[in-house]
C-alpha atoms as a PDB file:
ATOM      1  CA  MET A   1       0.000   0.000   0.000  1.00  0.00           C
ATOM      2  CA  LYS A   2       2.839   2.387   0.856  1.00  0.00           C
ATOM      3  CA  LYS A   3       4.394   1.767  -2.568  1.00  0.00           C
ATOM      4  CA  ILE A   4       1.160   2.688  -4.370  1.00  0.00           C
ATOM      5  CA  SER A   5       0.615   5.904  -2.404  1.00  0.00           C
ATOM      6  CA  THR A   6       4.247   6.965  -2.978  1.00  0.00           C
ATOM      7  CA  TRP A   7       3.810   6.291  -6.684  1.00  0.00           C
ATOM      8  CA  MET A   8       0.559   8.299  -6.791  1.00  0.00           C
ATOM      9  CA  ILE A   9       2.158  11.243  -4.978  1.00  0.00           C
ATOM     10  CA  ALA A  10       5.065  11.217  -7.426  1.00  0.00           C
ATOM     11  CA  LEU A  11       2.700  11.062 -10.400  1.00  0.00           C
ATOM     12  CA  ALA A  12       0.572  13.915  -9.041  1.00  0.00           C
ATOM     13  CA  PHE A  13       3.683  16.040  -8.521  1.00  0.00           C
ATOM     14  CA  LEU A  14       4.905  15.406 -12.065  1.00  0.00           C
ATOM     15  CA  LEU A  15       1.525  16.202 -13.577  1.00  0.00           C
ATOM     16  CA  SER A  16       1.115  19.423 -11.587  1.00  0.00           C
ATOM     17  CA  ALA A  17       4.631  20.595 -12.478  1.00  0.00           C
ATOM     18  CA  ALA A  18       4.085  19.962 -16.181  1.00  0.00           C
ATOM     19  CA  GLY A  19       0.527  21.255 -16.443  1.00  0.00           C
ATOM     20  CA  GLY A  20       0.136  24.288 -18.679  1.00  0.00           C
ATOM     21  CA  ARG A  21       3.839  25.040 -18.837  1.00  0.00           C
ATOM     22  CA  ALA A  22       5.704  24.944 -22.113  1.00  0.00           C
ATOM     23  CA  ASP A  23       9.284  23.824 -22.306  1.00  0.00           C
ATOM     24  CA  THR A  24      11.821  26.613 -22.324  1.00  0.00           C
ATOM     25  CA  PRO A  25      12.676  27.397 -25.963  1.00  0.00           C
ATOM     26  CA  LYS A  26      16.241  26.576 -26.928  1.00  0.00           C
ATOM     27  CA  VAL A  27      18.798  28.188 -29.215  1.00  0.00           C
ATOM     28  CA  GLY A  28      17.669  27.649 -32.802  1.00  0.00           C
ATOM     29  CA  ASP A  29      13.949  27.433 -31.927  1.00  0.00           C
ATOM     30  CA  LYS A  30      11.458  29.898 -33.325  1.00  0.00           C
ATOM     31  CA  ALA A  31      10.573  32.356 -30.565  1.00  0.00           C
ATOM     32  CA  PRO A  32       6.949  32.013 -29.420  1.00  0.00           C
ATOM     33  CA  ALA A  33       4.831  34.909 -30.669  1.00  0.00           C
ATOM     34  CA  PHE A  34       3.400  37.204 -28.019  1.00  0.00           C
ATOM     35  CA  GLU A  35       1.399  40.373 -27.631  1.00  0.00           C
ATOM     36  CA  ALA A  36       1.311  42.367 -24.407  1.00  0.00           C
ATOM     37  CA  LYS A  37       0.864  45.855 -23.058  1.00  0.00           C
ATOM     38  CA  ASP A  38       3.652  47.719 -21.315  1.00  0.00           C
ATOM     39  CA  GLN A  39       3.491  49.955 -18.249  1.00  0.00           C
ATOM     40  CA  ASP A  40       1.907  52.749 -20.300  1.00  0.00           C
ATOM     41  CA  GLY A  41      -0.659  50.578 -22.080  1.00  0.00           C
ATOM     42  CA  LYS A  42       1.294  50.457 -25.362  1.00  0.00           C
ATOM     43  CA  THR A  43       0.904  47.139 -27.178  1.00  0.00           C
ATOM     44  CA  TRP A  44       4.071  45.233 -28.050  1.00  0.00           C
ATOM     45  CA  LYS A  45       4.116  42.315 -30.495  1.00  0.00           C
ATOM     46  CA  LEU A  46       7.165  40.229 -31.253  1.00  0.00           C
ATOM     47  CA  SER A  47       6.013  40.122 -34.884  1.00  0.00           C
ATOM     48  CA  ASP A  48       6.342  43.936 -35.088  1.00  0.00           C
ATOM     49  CA  LEU A  49      10.046  43.660 -34.203  1.00  0.00           C
ATOM     50  CA  ALA A  50      10.807  40.809 -36.629  1.00  0.00           C
ATOM     51  CA  GLY A  51      13.143  41.830 -39.417  1.00  0.00           C
ATOM     52  CA  LYS A  52      13.816  45.178 -37.740  1.00  0.00           C
ATOM     53  CA  GLN A  53      15.429  44.637 -34.360  1.00  0.00           C
ATOM     54  CA  VAL A  54      17.034  42.032 -32.188  1.00  0.00           C
ATOM     55  CA  THR A  55      14.937  41.507 -29.054  1.00  0.00           C
ATOM     56  CA  LEU A  56      16.283  40.860 -25.577  1.00  0.00           C
ATOM     57  CA  LEU A  57      13.258  39.420 -23.790  1.00  0.00           C
ATOM     58  CA  TYR A  58      13.974  38.888 -20.139  1.00  0.00           C
ATOM     59  CA  PHE A  59      11.759  37.434 -17.451  1.00  0.00           C
ATOM     60  CA  TYR A  60      12.256  38.345 -13.820  1.00  0.00           C
ATOM     61  CA  PRO A  61      10.456  37.450 -10.582  1.00  0.00           C
ATOM     62  CA  LYS A  62       9.267  40.767  -9.129  1.00  0.00           C
ATOM     63  CA  ASP A  63       9.598  44.530  -9.504  1.00  0.00           C
ATOM     64  CA  ASP A  64      11.912  46.350  -7.121  1.00  0.00           C
ATOM     65  CA  THR A  65      13.503  43.326  -5.461  1.00  0.00           C
ATOM     66  CA  PRO A  66      17.312  43.206  -5.105  1.00  0.00           C
ATOM     67  CA  GLY A  67      18.223  40.811  -7.941  1.00  0.00           C
ATOM     68  CA  CYS A  68      15.595  42.187 -10.313  1.00  0.00           C
ATOM     69  CA  THR A  69      16.701  45.748  -9.635  1.00  0.00           C
ATOM     70  CA  LYS A  70      20.344  44.815 -10.223  1.00  0.00           C
ATOM     71  CA  GLU A  71      19.501  43.228 -13.577  1.00  0.00           C
ATOM     72  CA  ALA A  72      17.192  46.057 -14.698  1.00  0.00           C
ATOM     73  CA  CYS A  73      19.707  48.755 -13.730  1.00  0.00           C
ATOM     74  CA  GLY A  74      22.486  46.823 -15.460  1.00  0.00           C
ATOM     75  CA  LEU A  75      20.462  46.787 -18.678  1.00  0.00           C
ATOM     76  CA  ARG A  76      19.609  50.466 -18.202  1.00  0.00           C
ATOM     77  CA  ASP A  77      23.299  51.297 -17.885  1.00  0.00           C
ATOM     78  CA  ARG A  78      24.132  49.360 -21.080  1.00  0.00           C
ATOM     79  CA  MET A  79      21.273  50.808 -23.106  1.00  0.00           C
ATOM     80  CA  ALA A  80      23.468  53.031 -25.286  1.00  0.00           C
ATOM     81  CA  ASP A  81      25.432  49.999 -26.494  1.00  0.00           C
ATOM     82  CA  LEU A  82      22.280  47.916 -26.896  1.00  0.00           C
ATOM     83  CA  LYS A  83      20.638  50.646 -28.992  1.00  0.00           C
ATOM     84  CA  LYS A  84      23.794  50.955 -31.081  1.00  0.00           C
ATOM     85  CA  ASP A  85      23.483  47.228 -31.762  1.00  0.00           C
ATOM     86  CA  ASN A  86      19.767  47.662 -32.606  1.00  0.00           C
ATOM     87  CA  VAL A  87      18.535  45.633 -29.611  1.00  0.00           C
ATOM     88  CA  GLN A  88      15.091  46.218 -28.100  1.00  0.00           C
ATOM     89  CA  VAL A  89      14.972  45.246 -24.424  1.00  0.00           C
ATOM     90  CA  LEU A  90      11.642  44.049 -23.035  1.00  0.00           C
ATOM     91  CA  GLY A  91      11.280  43.017 -19.396  1.00  0.00           C
ATOM     92  CA  VAL A  92       8.438  40.704 -18.363  1.00  0.00           C
ATOM     93  CA  SER A  93       7.031  39.852 -14.945  1.00  0.00           C
ATOM     94  CA  PHE A  94       3.674  39.041 -13.357  1.00  0.00           C
ATOM     95  CA  ASP A  95       3.499  42.571 -11.879  1.00  0.00           C
ATOM     96  CA  ASP A  96       0.821  44.992 -13.070  1.00  0.00           C
ATOM     97  CA  GLY A  97       1.324  48.240 -14.986  1.00  0.00           C
ATOM     98  CA  GLU A  98       1.269  50.439 -11.872  1.00  0.00           C
ATOM     99  CA  SER A  99       3.983  48.369 -10.216  1.00  0.00           C
ATOM    100  CA  HIS A 100       6.041  48.562 -13.425  1.00  0.00           C
ATOM    101  CA  LYS A 101       5.611  52.362 -13.558  1.00  0.00           C
ATOM    102  CA  LYS A 102       6.849  52.736  -9.979  1.00  0.00           C
ATOM    103  CA  PHE A 103       9.813  50.448 -10.677  1.00  0.00           C
ATOM    104  CA  ILE A 104      10.713  52.378 -13.834  1.00  0.00           C
ATOM    105  CA  ASP A 105      10.390  55.764 -12.118  1.00  0.00           C
ATOM    106  CA  LYS A 106      12.312  54.754  -8.999  1.00  0.00           C
ATOM    107  CA  HIS A 107      15.278  53.408 -10.989  1.00  0.00           C
ATOM    108  CA  SER A 108      15.066  55.564 -14.161  1.00  0.00           C
ATOM    109  CA  LEU A 109      14.674  52.509 -16.378  1.00  0.00           C
ATOM    110  CA  ASN A 110      14.825  53.278 -20.083  1.00  0.00           C
ATOM    111  CA  PHE A 111      13.029  50.294 -21.613  1.00  0.00           C
ATOM    112  CA  PRO A 112       9.488  48.888 -21.449  1.00  0.00           C
ATOM    113  CA  LEU A 113       8.241  46.370 -18.916  1.00  0.00           C
ATOM    114  CA  LEU A 114       5.474  44.123 -20.204  1.00  0.00           C
ATOM    115  CA  VAL A 115       2.483  43.269 -18.060  1.00  0.00           C
ATOM    116  CA  ASP A 116       1.967  39.500 -17.809  1.00  0.00           C
ATOM    117  CA  THR A 117      -0.330  39.228 -14.782  1.00  0.00           C
ATOM    118  CA  ASP A 118      -1.921  36.034 -16.110  1.00  0.00           C
ATOM    119  CA  GLY A 119       1.468  34.467 -16.921  1.00  0.00           C
ATOM    120  CA  LYS A 120       0.562  33.765 -20.539  1.00  0.00           C
ATOM    121  CA  ILE A 121       3.924  34.913 -21.941  1.00  0.00           C
ATOM    122  CA  ALA A 122       5.858  33.294 -19.095  1.00  0.00           C
ATOM    123  CA  ASP A 123       4.072  30.012 -19.845  1.00  0.00           C
ATOM    124  CA  GLN A 124       4.860  30.256 -23.577  1.00  0.00           C
ATOM    125  CA  TYR A 125       8.548  30.630 -22.716  1.00  0.00           C
ATOM    126  CA  GLY A 126       8.550  28.067 -19.900  1.00  0.00           C
ATOM    127  CA  ALA A 127       9.533  30.825 -17.472  1.00  0.00           C
ATOM    128  CA  ARG A 128       6.890  30.362 -14.756  1.00  0.00           C
ATOM    129  CA  MET A 129       8.196  29.124 -11.428  1.00  0.00           C
ATOM    130  CA  PRO A 130       6.503  25.807 -10.578  1.00  0.00           C
ATOM    131  CA  ASN A 131       3.211  26.360  -8.756  1.00  0.00           C
ATOM    132  CA  LYS A 132       3.741  30.137  -8.448  1.00  0.00           C
ATOM    133  CA  ASN A 133       2.464  33.250 -10.162  1.00  0.00           C
ATOM    134  CA  MET A 134       6.006  34.426 -10.651  1.00  0.00           C
ATOM    135  CA  ALA A 135       8.583  34.108 -13.408  1.00  0.00           C
ATOM    136  CA  ARG A 136      12.066  32.824 -12.847  1.00  0.00           C
ATOM    137  CA  ARG A 137      15.058  34.765 -14.139  1.00  0.00           C
ATOM    138  CA  VAL A 138      15.525  33.671 -17.756  1.00  0.00           C
ATOM    139  CA  SER A 139      16.546  35.774 -20.767  1.00  0.00           C
ATOM    140  CA  PHE A 140      16.128  35.186 -24.480  1.00  0.00           C
ATOM    141  CA  LEU A 141      18.045  36.923 -27.239  1.00  0.00           C
ATOM    142  CA  ILE A 142      15.841  36.757 -30.318  1.00  0.00           C
ATOM    143  CA  GLY A 143      17.399  37.493 -33.692  1.00  0.00           C
ATOM    144  CA  LYS A 144      15.776  39.649 -36.361  1.00  0.00           C
ATOM    145  CA  ASP A 145      14.777  36.364 -37.999  1.00  0.00           C
ATOM    146  CA  GLY A 146      12.598  35.491 -34.986  1.00  0.00           C
ATOM    147  CA  MET A 147      14.844  32.639 -33.896  1.00  0.00           C
ATOM    148  CA  ILE A 148      16.277  32.202 -30.402  1.00  0.00           C
ATOM    149  CA  ALA A 149      19.972  33.116 -30.632  1.00  0.00           C
ATOM    150  CA  HIS A 150      20.852  32.745 -26.936  1.00  0.00           C
ATOM    151  CA  VAL A 151      19.205  31.678 -23.675  1.00  0.00           C
ATOM    152  CA  THR A 152      20.446  32.494 -20.179  1.00  0.00           C
ATOM    153  CA  ASP A 153      18.611  30.430 -17.583  1.00  0.00           C
ATOM    154  CA  ASN A 154      20.323  31.210 -14.297  1.00  0.00           C
ATOM    155  CA  PRO A 155      19.156  32.934 -11.095  1.00  0.00           C
ATOM    156  CA  GLY A 156      22.157  35.310 -11.039  1.00  0.00           C
ATOM    157  CA  ALA A 157      21.567  38.819 -12.407  1.00  0.00           C
ATOM    158  CA  ASP A 158      25.297  39.229 -13.160  1.00  0.00           C
ATOM    159  CA  VAL A 159      25.282  36.028 -15.213  1.00  0.00           C
ATOM    160  CA  HIS A 160      22.426  37.395 -17.342  1.00  0.00           C
ATOM    161  CA  LEU A 161      24.101  40.740 -17.886  1.00  0.00           C
ATOM    162  CA  ASN A 162      27.468  39.219 -18.843  1.00  0.00           C
ATOM    163  CA  GLU A 163      26.112  36.421 -21.028  1.00  0.00           C
ATOM    164  CA  MET A 164      23.733  38.715 -22.887  1.00  0.00           C
ATOM    165  CA  LYS A 165      26.483  41.262 -23.494  1.00  0.00           C
ATOM    166  CA  ASP A 166      28.605  38.537 -25.107  1.00  0.00           C
ATOM    167  CA  ALA A 167      25.647  37.045 -26.993  1.00  0.00           C
ATOM    168  CA  VAL A 168      24.691  40.434 -28.471  1.00  0.00           C
ATOM    169  CA  ALA A 169      28.303  40.992 -29.562  1.00  0.00           C
ATOM    170  CA  ASN A 170      28.393  37.564 -31.224  1.00  0.00           C
ATOM    171  CA  LEU A 171      25.043  38.086 -32.959  1.00  0.00           C
ATOM    172  CA  VAL A 172      26.047  41.513 -34.261  1.00  0.00           C
ATOM    173  CA  LYS A 173      29.233  40.026 -35.768  1.00  0.00           C
ATOM    174  CA  LYS A 174      27.220  37.607 -37.928  1.00  0.00           C
END
């Protein structure tokens, strides 16, 4: 009896962890299409950026927390180089537009933060933390061709900043 209940618990855990969550796209995959509003209500579509700009789409857990602030401010401070390389940065979290506005104002962020309160975009990119309404720290560099050029899936903000800097440089060289 103990063996059966252990097996059922394990099965239930696996099913709940997998339910509704896509796998994280990998390098070479087509980036999942999305449409979302930013902190000001402006609609952003990945398809509108295709063929025009490289997109750095980064997911983060929560506005104005230490690691998320470090990553956002690091991107803010590198924005001149990112613009020179024709990269559009888009941050995504489960926070609402008002929270995003406060975060942007408090830290003088110079790029849009997309509202994903229902987690639809996070789910498309496999970025939702298991059993939470929160994204984990994962970044996607999407080429002008709409393909994933680089993925950083690591909880460290510094890792994201350094890897994405190198990945942008490598993509621009091509």
